[in-house]
Amino acid sequence: MDVIYAIDIAGTFAFAISGALVAIRKKFDVFGVIIIAFVTAVGGGMTRDVLINAHPINWIGDINYIWTILIAVAATFLFRSKIAPLRRTMFLFDTIGISVFTLLGVQKGINFNLHPFVALVMGMSSAVMGGVIRDVLTNEIPLIFHREIYASACLAGGIVYLLLYPLNINEDILFVISAGIIILVRTIAVQYKLELPRIKKDVFGK
C-alpha cells in the first residue's frame, strides 16, 4: 500500500466519522448513520469522478472504501461517549478530510490532463461536496456557505500543489506540504474567527 493510498483511506475514515457524528447527533437510526457516513466519505470523490467521466467511480472500484466506512461507523458507535462531547472533534476530522481529498482531486485532474484551473476545481469538489450532501440530508445549511474559511483553505492548498508540481518534488513530500497548508489556513481561520466578507442586505435595498 503506497503512502498516497494510505492517506486516501485515512481521509475516508475521517470523513466517515464526521458524517456519523452528525447523524448520531440528529438521532438517526443505524441505517441512517451508515448512509450519512457513506455520502460524507465518498460523495465528493463520486461527484468528481462523474464530472470527469472517471470509471470505475472511486468506491465502486475498490471495496476497501466500503470496509473503511463501516469500520469508522462501528468505531463511532463504540467510542462516541468519548469523542462526541469533544468540541474540536468535528473540526479535526473535517480538516483532515478536506486536506486529503482536495489534493487527491487535484492529482486526479492532472492525471486526466485537465487544465490546472479545472483540476483545482475538481480538488475543491472532492473536498467539500461530501460535506454539502451530508448537511443537505441532515437539514443543515452547508458549512461552506455560512461559516469559517473552508473552501478557501482547499483553494490555498491546491494552488500550492499546482505551483510546486512542476518542480519535480517527491510526490509524498509535495502532498504533505500542500495538506499542511490547508490544515494551517483553516486552523488559523477558526482560531481567529476569520470569515469571508458577507453581502449585506441593504446592498439590495432591503
N, C-alpha and C. Protein backbone atom coordinates (compact mmCIF):
# COMPACT_ATOMS: atom_id res chain seq x y z
N MET A 1 0.85 -1.20 0.00
CA MET A 1 0.00 0.00 0.00
C MET A 1 0.89 1.24 0.00
N ASP A 2 0.78 2.11 -1.04
CA ASP A 2 1.62 3.29 -1.06
C ASP A 2 1.07 4.37 -0.13
N VAL A 3 1.90 5.39 0.08
CA VAL A 3 1.57 6.42 1.07
C VAL A 3 0.30 7.17 0.69
N ILE A 4 0.17 7.55 -0.58
CA ILE A 4 -0.99 8.33 -1.02
C ILE A 4 -2.28 7.53 -0.82
N TYR A 5 -2.25 6.25 -1.16
CA TYR A 5 -3.44 5.42 -0.99
C TYR A 5 -3.79 5.30 0.49
N ALA A 6 -2.76 5.15 1.34
CA ALA A 6 -2.99 5.06 2.78
C ALA A 6 -3.62 6.35 3.30
N ILE A 7 -3.16 7.49 2.80
CA ILE A 7 -3.72 8.78 3.21
C ILE A 7 -5.16 8.91 2.72
N ASP A 8 -5.43 8.40 1.52
CA ASP A 8 -6.79 8.41 0.98
C ASP A 8 -7.73 7.62 1.90
N ILE A 9 -7.31 6.44 2.32
CA ILE A 9 -8.11 5.63 3.22
C ILE A 9 -8.30 6.34 4.55
N ALA A 10 -7.24 6.99 5.04
CA ALA A 10 -7.34 7.73 6.30
C ALA A 10 -8.34 8.89 6.18
N GLY A 11 -8.31 9.58 5.04
CA GLY A 11 -9.26 10.67 4.81
C GLY A 11 -10.68 10.16 4.74
N THR A 12 -10.88 9.02 4.09
CA THR A 12 -12.21 8.40 4.03
C THR A 12 -12.69 8.06 5.43
N PHE A 13 -11.81 7.50 6.23
CA PHE A 13 -12.15 7.16 7.62
C PHE A 13 -12.53 8.41 8.41
N ALA A 14 -11.76 9.47 8.25
CA ALA A 14 -12.02 10.71 8.97
C ALA A 14 -13.36 11.31 8.57
N PHE A 15 -13.65 11.37 7.27
CA PHE A 15 -14.91 11.94 6.82
C PHE A 15 -16.10 11.07 7.24
N ALA A 16 -15.91 9.75 7.23
CA ALA A 16 -16.99 8.86 7.65
C ALA A 16 -17.35 9.09 9.11
N ILE A 17 -16.35 9.27 9.95
CA ILE A 17 -16.60 9.58 11.37
C ILE A 17 -17.30 10.92 11.50
N SER A 18 -16.87 11.89 10.71
CA SER A 18 -17.52 13.21 10.72
C SER A 18 -19.00 13.08 10.41
N GLY A 19 -19.33 12.33 9.35
CA GLY A 19 -20.73 12.14 8.98
C GLY A 19 -21.50 11.36 10.03
N ALA A 20 -20.88 10.32 10.58
CA ALA A 20 -21.55 9.50 11.60
C ALA A 20 -21.87 10.32 12.84
N LEU A 21 -20.96 11.19 13.23
CA LEU A 21 -21.20 12.03 14.41
C LEU A 21 -22.39 12.96 14.21
N VAL A 22 -22.49 13.54 13.01
CA VAL A 22 -23.63 14.41 12.71
C VAL A 22 -24.93 13.62 12.76
N ALA A 23 -24.94 12.44 12.16
CA ALA A 23 -26.15 11.62 12.13
C ALA A 23 -26.55 11.17 13.53
N ILE A 24 -25.59 10.81 14.35
CA ILE A 24 -25.90 10.42 15.74
C ILE A 24 -26.47 11.60 16.50
N ARG A 25 -25.88 12.79 16.30
CA ARG A 25 -26.40 13.98 16.96
C ARG A 25 -27.84 14.28 16.55
N LYS A 26 -28.16 13.95 15.30
CA LYS A 26 -29.52 14.16 14.79
C LYS A 26 -30.46 13.01 15.17
N LYS A 27 -29.93 12.01 15.89
CA LYS A 27 -30.71 10.87 16.37
C LYS A 27 -31.23 9.99 15.23
N PHE A 28 -30.39 9.81 14.19
CA PHE A 28 -30.74 8.89 13.12
C PHE A 28 -30.60 7.46 13.62
N ASP A 29 -31.29 6.52 12.95
CA ASP A 29 -31.10 5.12 13.30
C ASP A 29 -29.80 4.62 12.67
N VAL A 30 -29.47 3.35 12.92
CA VAL A 30 -28.19 2.80 12.47
C VAL A 30 -28.04 2.92 10.96
N PHE A 31 -29.11 2.59 10.22
CA PHE A 31 -29.05 2.67 8.77
C PHE A 31 -28.80 4.11 8.33
N GLY A 32 -29.48 5.05 8.98
CA GLY A 32 -29.30 6.46 8.64
C GLY A 32 -27.88 6.93 8.90
N VAL A 33 -27.29 6.47 10.00
CA VAL A 33 -25.91 6.83 10.34
C VAL A 33 -24.96 6.32 9.27
N ILE A 34 -25.17 5.08 8.83
CA ILE A 34 -24.30 4.50 7.79
C ILE A 34 -24.42 5.28 6.48
N ILE A 35 -25.64 5.64 6.11
CA ILE A 35 -25.85 6.38 4.86
C ILE A 35 -25.17 7.75 4.92
N ILE A 36 -25.34 8.47 6.03
CA ILE A 36 -24.73 9.80 6.15
C ILE A 36 -23.21 9.68 6.17
N ALA A 37 -22.69 8.68 6.87
CA ALA A 37 -21.24 8.46 6.89
C ALA A 37 -20.74 8.17 5.47
N PHE A 38 -21.51 7.38 4.73
CA PHE A 38 -21.13 6.99 3.38
C PHE A 38 -21.07 8.20 2.44
N VAL A 39 -22.13 8.99 2.42
CA VAL A 39 -22.15 10.12 1.48
C VAL A 39 -21.13 11.18 1.87
N THR A 40 -20.87 11.31 3.17
CA THR A 40 -19.85 12.27 3.60
C THR A 40 -18.47 11.83 3.15
N ALA A 41 -18.22 10.53 3.25
CA ALA A 41 -16.89 10.00 2.94
C ALA A 41 -16.60 9.92 1.44
N VAL A 42 -17.58 9.55 0.64
CA VAL A 42 -17.30 9.31 -0.78
C VAL A 42 -18.08 10.23 -1.72
N GLY A 43 -18.95 11.07 -1.17
CA GLY A 43 -19.77 11.93 -2.02
C GLY A 43 -18.96 12.90 -2.87
N GLY A 44 -17.88 13.46 -2.29
CA GLY A 44 -17.06 14.40 -3.03
C GLY A 44 -16.31 13.72 -4.16
N GLY A 45 -15.68 12.58 -3.85
CA GLY A 45 -14.95 11.84 -4.88
C GLY A 45 -15.87 11.32 -5.97
N MET A 46 -17.06 10.91 -5.58
CA MET A 46 -18.02 10.40 -6.56
C MET A 46 -18.47 11.52 -7.49
N THR A 47 -18.72 12.71 -6.93
CA THR A 47 -19.09 13.86 -7.74
C THR A 47 -17.99 14.19 -8.75
N ARG A 48 -16.76 14.20 -8.25
CA ARG A 48 -15.60 14.47 -9.12
C ARG A 48 -15.51 13.46 -10.25
N ASP A 49 -15.62 12.18 -9.93
CA ASP A 49 -15.47 11.13 -10.94
C ASP A 49 -16.57 11.19 -11.99
N VAL A 50 -17.78 11.53 -11.56
CA VAL A 50 -18.88 11.67 -12.51
C VAL A 50 -18.61 12.85 -13.46
N LEU A 51 -18.11 13.95 -12.90
CA LEU A 51 -17.87 15.14 -13.72
C LEU A 51 -16.77 14.93 -14.75
N ILE A 52 -15.75 14.17 -14.41
CA ILE A 52 -14.64 13.98 -15.35
C ILE A 52 -14.74 12.63 -16.07
N ASN A 53 -15.85 11.92 -15.84
CA ASN A 53 -16.11 10.65 -16.52
C ASN A 53 -15.03 9.61 -16.22
N ALA A 54 -14.67 9.53 -14.94
CA ALA A 54 -13.67 8.56 -14.50
C ALA A 54 -14.37 7.29 -14.03
N HIS A 55 -14.00 6.16 -14.60
CA HIS A 55 -14.63 4.89 -14.24
C HIS A 55 -13.55 3.83 -13.97
N PRO A 56 -13.80 2.93 -13.00
CA PRO A 56 -14.98 2.93 -12.13
C PRO A 56 -14.91 4.05 -11.09
N ILE A 57 -16.07 4.53 -10.66
CA ILE A 57 -16.13 5.54 -9.63
C ILE A 57 -15.43 5.03 -8.38
N ASN A 58 -14.75 5.93 -7.67
CA ASN A 58 -13.82 5.57 -6.60
C ASN A 58 -14.22 4.37 -5.76
N TRP A 59 -15.35 4.43 -5.07
CA TRP A 59 -15.70 3.37 -4.13
C TRP A 59 -16.20 2.11 -4.83
N ILE A 60 -16.69 2.25 -6.06
CA ILE A 60 -17.16 1.08 -6.80
C ILE A 60 -15.98 0.21 -7.22
N GLY A 61 -14.86 0.83 -7.52
CA GLY A 61 -13.70 0.09 -7.98
C GLY A 61 -12.81 -0.45 -6.87
N ASP A 62 -13.12 -0.11 -5.63
CA ASP A 62 -12.27 -0.54 -4.51
C ASP A 62 -13.12 -0.76 -3.27
N ILE A 63 -13.34 -2.01 -2.91
CA ILE A 63 -14.20 -2.36 -1.78
C ILE A 63 -13.63 -1.89 -0.45
N ASN A 64 -12.32 -1.55 -0.44
CA ASN A 64 -11.71 -1.08 0.82
C ASN A 64 -12.36 0.19 1.34
N TYR A 65 -12.91 1.00 0.43
CA TYR A 65 -13.61 2.21 0.87
C TYR A 65 -14.85 1.84 1.69
N ILE A 66 -15.57 0.84 1.25
CA ILE A 66 -16.77 0.42 1.97
C ILE A 66 -16.40 -0.11 3.35
N TRP A 67 -15.38 -0.97 3.41
CA TRP A 67 -14.95 -1.51 4.70
C TRP A 67 -14.48 -0.39 5.62
N THR A 68 -13.78 0.57 5.07
CA THR A 68 -13.29 1.69 5.88
C THR A 68 -14.44 2.47 6.50
N ILE A 69 -15.47 2.71 5.70
CA ILE A 69 -16.63 3.45 6.20
C ILE A 69 -17.35 2.66 7.29
N LEU A 70 -17.54 1.37 7.08
CA LEU A 70 -18.22 0.54 8.07
C LEU A 70 -17.42 0.47 9.38
N ILE A 71 -16.12 0.37 9.27
CA ILE A 71 -15.28 0.35 10.47
C ILE A 71 -15.36 1.69 11.19
N ALA A 72 -15.38 2.78 10.42
CA ALA A 72 -15.48 4.11 11.02
C ALA A 72 -16.80 4.28 11.77
N VAL A 73 -17.88 3.78 11.17
CA VAL A 73 -19.19 3.87 11.82
C VAL A 73 -19.18 3.05 13.12
N ALA A 74 -18.63 1.85 13.05
CA ALA A 74 -18.56 0.99 14.25
C ALA A 74 -17.73 1.67 15.34
N ALA A 75 -16.60 2.27 14.95
CA ALA A 75 -15.75 2.95 15.92
C ALA A 75 -16.47 4.14 16.55
N THR A 76 -17.26 4.84 15.73
CA THR A 76 -18.00 5.99 16.24
C THR A 76 -19.04 5.56 17.27
N PHE A 77 -19.74 4.46 16.99
CA PHE A 77 -20.72 3.96 17.95
C PHE A 77 -20.04 3.49 19.24
N LEU A 78 -18.92 2.80 19.11
CA LEU A 78 -18.24 2.23 20.27
C LEU A 78 -17.63 3.31 21.17
N PHE A 79 -17.11 4.36 20.54
CA PHE A 79 -16.39 5.37 21.30
C PHE A 79 -17.06 6.74 21.30
N ARG A 80 -18.34 6.78 20.92
CA ARG A 80 -19.00 8.08 20.79
C ARG A 80 -19.07 8.83 22.12
N SER A 81 -19.13 8.12 23.23
CA SER A 81 -19.20 8.78 24.53
C SER A 81 -17.93 9.56 24.83
N LYS A 82 -16.83 9.16 24.15
CA LYS A 82 -15.55 9.84 24.38
C LYS A 82 -15.28 10.92 23.34
N ILE A 83 -15.69 10.66 22.09
CA ILE A 83 -15.35 11.61 21.02
C ILE A 83 -16.45 12.63 20.74
N ALA A 84 -17.72 12.24 20.91
CA ALA A 84 -18.81 13.15 20.57
C ALA A 84 -18.81 14.44 21.39
N PRO A 85 -18.51 14.39 22.72
CA PRO A 85 -18.56 15.62 23.51
C PRO A 85 -17.42 16.59 23.21
N LEU A 86 -16.39 16.12 22.53
CA LEU A 86 -15.24 16.98 22.29
C LEU A 86 -15.58 18.05 21.26
N ARG A 87 -15.39 19.30 21.62
CA ARG A 87 -15.78 20.40 20.75
C ARG A 87 -15.03 20.39 19.42
N ARG A 88 -13.81 19.95 19.44
CA ARG A 88 -13.00 20.06 18.24
C ARG A 88 -12.97 18.77 17.43
N THR A 89 -13.76 17.79 17.82
CA THR A 89 -13.74 16.52 17.11
C THR A 89 -14.16 16.68 15.65
N MET A 90 -15.30 17.36 15.44
CA MET A 90 -15.79 17.57 14.08
C MET A 90 -14.79 18.37 13.26
N PHE A 91 -14.22 19.39 13.88
CA PHE A 91 -13.23 20.21 13.19
C PHE A 91 -12.02 19.38 12.78
N LEU A 92 -11.54 18.54 13.69
CA LEU A 92 -10.38 17.72 13.42
C LEU A 92 -10.61 16.80 12.22
N PHE A 93 -11.71 16.04 12.25
CA PHE A 93 -11.95 15.08 11.18
C PHE A 93 -12.29 15.77 9.86
N ASP A 94 -13.02 16.87 9.93
CA ASP A 94 -13.32 17.61 8.70
C ASP A 94 -12.05 18.16 8.06
N THR A 95 -11.16 18.70 8.88
CA THR A 95 -9.94 19.30 8.36
C THR A 95 -9.02 18.26 7.73
N ILE A 96 -8.87 17.12 8.39
CA ILE A 96 -8.08 16.03 7.80
C ILE A 96 -8.69 15.61 6.47
N GLY A 97 -10.01 15.46 6.47
CA GLY A 97 -10.70 15.02 5.27
C GLY A 97 -10.54 15.97 4.10
N ILE A 98 -10.75 17.27 4.33
CA ILE A 98 -10.69 18.21 3.22
C ILE A 98 -9.27 18.35 2.68
N SER A 99 -8.27 18.25 3.55
CA SER A 99 -6.89 18.36 3.07
C SER A 99 -6.53 17.19 2.17
N VAL A 100 -6.93 16.00 2.58
CA VAL A 100 -6.63 14.80 1.79
C VAL A 100 -7.37 14.81 0.46
N PHE A 101 -8.66 15.07 0.51
CA PHE A 101 -9.47 14.94 -0.70
C PHE A 101 -9.23 16.07 -1.69
N THR A 102 -8.86 17.25 -1.20
CA THR A 102 -8.52 18.33 -2.12
C THR A 102 -7.36 17.92 -3.02
N LEU A 103 -6.32 17.40 -2.41
CA LEU A 103 -5.11 17.08 -3.17
C LEU A 103 -5.30 15.84 -4.03
N LEU A 104 -6.06 14.87 -3.55
CA LEU A 104 -6.35 13.71 -4.39
C LEU A 104 -7.15 14.12 -5.62
N GLY A 105 -8.07 15.08 -5.43
CA GLY A 105 -8.85 15.57 -6.56
C GLY A 105 -8.00 16.32 -7.56
N VAL A 106 -7.08 17.15 -7.07
CA VAL A 106 -6.17 17.88 -7.96
C VAL A 106 -5.29 16.89 -8.72
N GLN A 107 -4.76 15.90 -8.00
CA GLN A 107 -3.93 14.89 -8.65
C GLN A 107 -4.68 14.18 -9.76
N LYS A 108 -5.91 13.81 -9.47
CA LYS A 108 -6.68 13.07 -10.47
C LYS A 108 -6.97 13.95 -11.68
N GLY A 109 -7.22 15.23 -11.44
CA GLY A 109 -7.44 16.15 -12.54
C GLY A 109 -6.21 16.26 -13.43
N ILE A 110 -5.03 16.32 -12.80
CA ILE A 110 -3.78 16.38 -13.56
C ILE A 110 -3.59 15.09 -14.36
N ASN A 111 -3.87 13.95 -13.72
CA ASN A 111 -3.71 12.67 -14.40
C ASN A 111 -4.64 12.52 -15.60
N PHE A 112 -5.78 13.24 -15.56
CA PHE A 112 -6.72 13.20 -16.67
C PHE A 112 -6.45 14.34 -17.67
N ASN A 113 -5.29 14.97 -17.50
CA ASN A 113 -4.85 16.04 -18.42
C ASN A 113 -5.81 17.21 -18.48
N LEU A 114 -6.42 17.53 -17.35
CA LEU A 114 -7.31 18.69 -17.29
C LEU A 114 -6.48 19.96 -17.11
N HIS A 115 -7.05 21.08 -17.52
CA HIS A 115 -6.41 22.37 -17.28
C HIS A 115 -6.19 22.53 -15.78
N PRO A 116 -5.06 23.13 -15.35
CA PRO A 116 -4.79 23.28 -13.92
C PRO A 116 -5.95 23.91 -13.14
N PHE A 117 -6.61 24.90 -13.74
CA PHE A 117 -7.74 25.53 -13.04
C PHE A 117 -8.87 24.53 -12.83
N VAL A 118 -9.14 23.72 -13.85
CA VAL A 118 -10.20 22.71 -13.73
C VAL A 118 -9.79 21.64 -12.71
N ALA A 119 -8.51 21.27 -12.71
CA ALA A 119 -8.02 20.30 -11.72
C ALA A 119 -8.20 20.85 -10.31
N LEU A 120 -7.98 22.15 -10.15
CA LEU A 120 -8.17 22.80 -8.84
C LEU A 120 -9.64 22.74 -8.42
N VAL A 121 -10.54 23.00 -9.36
CA VAL A 121 -11.98 22.91 -9.07
C VAL A 121 -12.36 21.48 -8.68
N MET A 122 -11.78 20.51 -9.37
CA MET A 122 -12.06 19.11 -9.04
C MET A 122 -11.58 18.78 -7.64
N GLY A 123 -10.44 19.36 -7.26
CA GLY A 123 -9.94 19.16 -5.90
C GLY A 123 -10.88 19.73 -4.86
N MET A 124 -11.37 20.93 -5.11
CA MET A 124 -12.32 21.55 -4.17
C MET A 124 -13.61 20.76 -4.11
N SER A 125 -14.08 20.29 -5.26
CA SER A 125 -15.31 19.48 -5.28
C SER A 125 -15.13 18.20 -4.47
N SER A 126 -13.98 17.56 -4.64
CA SER A 126 -13.70 16.33 -3.90
C SER A 126 -13.77 16.58 -2.39
N ALA A 127 -13.29 17.76 -1.98
CA ALA A 127 -13.19 18.06 -0.56
C ALA A 127 -14.52 18.47 0.07
N VAL A 128 -15.31 19.26 -0.64
CA VAL A 128 -16.47 19.88 0.02
C VAL A 128 -17.82 19.24 -0.31
N MET A 129 -17.92 18.53 -1.44
CA MET A 129 -19.24 18.05 -1.83
C MET A 129 -19.80 16.99 -0.89
N GLY A 130 -18.93 16.16 -0.31
CA GLY A 130 -19.42 15.18 0.65
C GLY A 130 -20.07 15.86 1.83
N GLY A 131 -19.43 16.93 2.33
CA GLY A 131 -20.00 17.69 3.44
C GLY A 131 -21.28 18.42 3.06
N VAL A 132 -21.33 18.91 1.82
CA VAL A 132 -22.55 19.58 1.36
C VAL A 132 -23.72 18.60 1.33
N ILE A 133 -23.47 17.41 0.76
CA ILE A 133 -24.53 16.39 0.70
C ILE A 133 -24.96 15.98 2.11
N ARG A 134 -23.97 15.80 3.00
CA ARG A 134 -24.28 15.47 4.39
C ARG A 134 -25.18 16.51 5.03
N ASP A 135 -24.83 17.79 4.86
CA ASP A 135 -25.59 18.86 5.50
C ASP A 135 -27.00 18.98 4.92
N VAL A 136 -27.12 18.81 3.61
CA VAL A 136 -28.43 18.86 2.98
C VAL A 136 -29.33 17.75 3.51
N LEU A 137 -28.78 16.52 3.60
CA LEU A 137 -29.57 15.37 4.05
C LEU A 137 -29.93 15.47 5.53
N THR A 138 -29.13 16.21 6.30
CA THR A 138 -29.42 16.36 7.74
C THR A 138 -30.08 17.70 8.05
N ASN A 139 -30.55 18.37 6.99
CA ASN A 139 -31.32 19.62 7.13
C ASN A 139 -30.50 20.73 7.79
N GLU A 140 -29.25 20.85 7.35
CA GLU A 140 -28.38 21.92 7.83
C GLU A 140 -27.96 22.78 6.64
N ILE A 141 -27.66 24.06 6.91
CA ILE A 141 -27.08 24.89 5.87
C ILE A 141 -25.64 24.44 5.68
N PRO A 142 -25.24 24.08 4.45
CA PRO A 142 -23.86 23.60 4.25
C PRO A 142 -22.83 24.55 4.84
N LEU A 143 -21.86 23.96 5.51
CA LEU A 143 -20.84 24.71 6.22
C LEU A 143 -20.12 25.71 5.33
N ILE A 144 -19.88 25.34 4.08
CA ILE A 144 -19.09 26.20 3.19
C ILE A 144 -19.81 27.49 2.84
N PHE A 145 -21.13 27.56 3.08
CA PHE A 145 -21.90 28.72 2.68
C PHE A 145 -22.04 29.78 3.77
N HIS A 146 -21.70 29.43 4.99
CA HIS A 146 -22.02 30.41 6.03
C HIS A 146 -21.03 30.50 7.17
N ARG A 147 -20.02 29.62 7.24
CA ARG A 147 -19.10 29.67 8.37
C ARG A 147 -17.69 29.31 7.96
N GLU A 148 -16.75 29.98 8.60
CA GLU A 148 -15.35 29.60 8.54
C GLU A 148 -14.75 29.71 7.14
N ILE A 149 -13.43 29.68 7.11
CA ILE A 149 -12.68 29.58 5.87
C ILE A 149 -12.57 28.10 5.56
N TYR A 150 -13.32 27.63 4.60
CA TYR A 150 -13.43 26.19 4.35
C TYR A 150 -12.94 25.88 2.94
N ALA A 151 -13.75 26.23 1.95
CA ALA A 151 -13.34 26.01 0.57
C ALA A 151 -12.10 26.84 0.23
N SER A 152 -11.95 28.00 0.86
CA SER A 152 -10.79 28.85 0.59
C SER A 152 -9.50 28.19 1.05
N ALA A 153 -9.56 27.43 2.14
CA ALA A 153 -8.39 26.70 2.61
C ALA A 153 -8.00 25.63 1.58
N CYS A 154 -9.01 24.96 1.04
CA CYS A 154 -8.77 23.97 -0.01
C CYS A 154 -8.13 24.63 -1.23
N LEU A 155 -8.62 25.79 -1.57
CA LEU A 155 -8.10 26.54 -2.71
C LEU A 155 -6.62 26.87 -2.49
N ALA A 156 -6.28 27.31 -1.28
CA ALA A 156 -4.89 27.67 -0.99
C ALA A 156 -3.96 26.45 -1.12
N GLY A 157 -4.37 25.33 -0.54
CA GLY A 157 -3.55 24.13 -0.62
C GLY A 157 -3.43 23.61 -2.04
N GLY A 158 -4.52 23.69 -2.79
CA GLY A 158 -4.49 23.24 -4.17
C GLY A 158 -3.58 24.08 -5.04
N ILE A 159 -3.59 25.39 -4.80
CA ILE A 159 -2.72 26.29 -5.56
C ILE A 159 -1.25 26.00 -5.26
N VAL A 160 -0.95 25.78 -3.97
CA VAL A 160 0.43 25.45 -3.59
C VAL A 160 0.87 24.16 -4.29
N TYR A 161 -0.01 23.18 -4.33
CA TYR A 161 0.31 21.91 -5.00
C TYR A 161 0.62 22.14 -6.47
N LEU A 162 -0.22 22.92 -7.16
CA LEU A 162 -0.04 23.17 -8.59
C LEU A 162 1.23 23.98 -8.87
N LEU A 163 1.58 24.89 -7.96
CA LEU A 163 2.78 25.70 -8.14
C LEU A 163 4.06 24.87 -7.95
N LEU A 164 4.02 23.93 -7.01
CA LEU A 164 5.20 23.13 -6.70
C LEU A 164 5.33 21.89 -7.60
N TYR A 165 4.22 21.49 -8.21
CA TYR A 165 4.21 20.25 -9.00
C TYR A 165 5.26 20.23 -10.11
N PRO A 166 5.45 21.34 -10.86
CA PRO A 166 6.44 21.31 -11.95
C PRO A 166 7.88 21.18 -11.46
N LEU A 167 8.13 21.35 -10.16
CA LEU A 167 9.49 21.33 -9.63
C LEU A 167 10.00 19.91 -9.39
N ASN A 168 9.14 18.92 -9.69
CA ASN A 168 9.53 17.51 -9.54
C ASN A 168 9.92 17.14 -8.11
N ILE A 169 9.22 17.74 -7.15
CA ILE A 169 9.41 17.37 -5.75
C ILE A 169 8.81 15.99 -5.53
N ASN A 170 9.42 15.23 -4.63
CA ASN A 170 8.87 13.92 -4.30
C ASN A 170 7.38 14.02 -4.02
N GLU A 171 6.59 13.13 -4.62
CA GLU A 171 5.13 13.22 -4.56
C GLU A 171 4.61 13.22 -3.12
N ASP A 172 5.18 12.36 -2.28
CA ASP A 172 4.72 12.28 -0.90
C ASP A 172 5.01 13.57 -0.13
N ILE A 173 6.20 14.12 -0.36
CA ILE A 173 6.56 15.38 0.31
C ILE A 173 5.67 16.52 -0.17
N LEU A 174 5.42 16.56 -1.48
CA LEU A 174 4.55 17.59 -2.05
C LEU A 174 3.16 17.50 -1.44
N PHE A 175 2.68 16.27 -1.28
CA PHE A 175 1.35 16.04 -0.71
C PHE A 175 1.30 16.56 0.73
N VAL A 176 2.32 16.24 1.51
CA VAL A 176 2.35 16.64 2.91
C VAL A 176 2.42 18.16 3.05
N ILE A 177 3.24 18.80 2.23
CA ILE A 177 3.36 20.27 2.29
C ILE A 177 2.03 20.93 1.97
N SER A 178 1.39 20.50 0.89
CA SER A 178 0.13 21.11 0.46
C SER A 178 -0.98 20.84 1.46
N ALA A 179 -1.04 19.62 2.00
CA ALA A 179 -2.04 19.30 3.01
C ALA A 179 -1.81 20.15 4.26
N GLY A 180 -0.53 20.36 4.60
CA GLY A 180 -0.21 21.19 5.76
C GLY A 180 -0.70 22.62 5.59
N ILE A 181 -0.64 23.12 4.36
CA ILE A 181 -1.14 24.48 4.09
C ILE A 181 -2.64 24.55 4.35
N ILE A 182 -3.38 23.56 3.89
CA ILE A 182 -4.82 23.54 4.09
C ILE A 182 -5.16 23.49 5.58
N ILE A 183 -4.50 22.61 6.30
CA ILE A 183 -4.75 22.48 7.74
C ILE A 183 -4.38 23.77 8.46
N LEU A 184 -3.25 24.37 8.08
CA LEU A 184 -2.80 25.61 8.72
C LEU A 184 -3.77 26.75 8.47
N VAL A 185 -4.18 26.92 7.21
CA VAL A 185 -5.09 28.02 6.87
C VAL A 185 -6.41 27.89 7.62
N ARG A 186 -6.96 26.68 7.64
CA ARG A 186 -8.25 26.51 8.32
C ARG A 186 -8.11 26.66 9.82
N THR A 187 -7.03 26.16 10.38
CA THR A 187 -6.82 26.28 11.82
C THR A 187 -6.69 27.74 12.24
N ILE A 188 -5.91 28.50 11.49
CA ILE A 188 -5.75 29.93 11.80
C ILE A 188 -7.08 30.66 11.66
N ALA A 189 -7.84 30.31 10.61
CA ALA A 189 -9.13 30.96 10.37
C ALA A 189 -10.09 30.71 11.53
N VAL A 190 -10.12 29.48 12.02
CA VAL A 190 -11.01 29.15 13.13
C VAL A 190 -10.51 29.77 14.42
N GLN A 191 -9.20 29.73 14.64
CA GLN A 191 -8.61 30.27 15.86
C GLN A 191 -8.92 31.75 16.02
N TYR A 192 -8.83 32.49 14.90
CA TYR A 192 -9.01 33.94 14.96
C TYR A 192 -10.37 34.38 14.40
N LYS A 193 -11.27 33.39 14.20
CA LYS A 193 -12.63 33.68 13.74
C LYS A 193 -12.64 34.50 12.44
N LEU A 194 -11.80 34.10 11.51
CA LEU A 194 -11.74 34.78 10.21
C LEU A 194 -12.84 34.26 9.31
N GLU A 195 -13.48 35.14 8.58
CA GLU A 195 -14.53 34.76 7.65
C GLU A 195 -14.39 35.58 6.38
N LEU A 196 -14.95 35.07 5.29
CA LEU A 196 -15.00 35.84 4.06
C LEU A 196 -16.06 36.93 4.21
N PRO A 197 -15.91 38.04 3.49
CA PRO A 197 -16.90 39.12 3.59
C PRO A 197 -18.30 38.63 3.20
N ARG A 198 -19.30 39.17 3.88
CA ARG A 198 -20.68 38.82 3.57
C ARG A 198 -21.37 40.00 2.91
N ILE A 199 -22.31 39.70 2.02
CA ILE A 199 -23.08 40.75 1.35
C ILE A 199 -24.21 41.18 2.27
N LYS A 200 -24.23 42.47 2.56
CA LYS A 200 -25.26 42.99 3.46
C LYS A 200 -26.59 43.14 2.72
N LYS A 201 -27.67 42.95 3.47
CA LYS A 201 -29.00 43.03 2.87
C LYS A 201 -29.27 44.38 2.25
N ASP A 202 -28.78 45.46 2.87
CA ASP A 202 -29.12 46.78 2.36
C ASP A 202 -28.49 47.07 1.01
N VAL A 203 -27.56 46.22 0.58
CA VAL A 203 -26.98 46.38 -0.77
C VAL A 203 -28.06 46.25 -1.81
N PHE A 204 -29.06 45.42 -1.53
CA PHE A 204 -30.14 45.19 -2.45
C PHE A 204 -31.37 46.03 -2.11
N GLY A 205 -31.18 47.00 -1.22
CA GLY A 205 -32.28 47.88 -0.86
C GLY A 205 -33.30 47.25 0.04
N LYS A 206 -32.88 46.23 0.82
CA LYS A 206 -33.81 45.57 1.74
C LYS A 206 -33.36 45.77 3.16
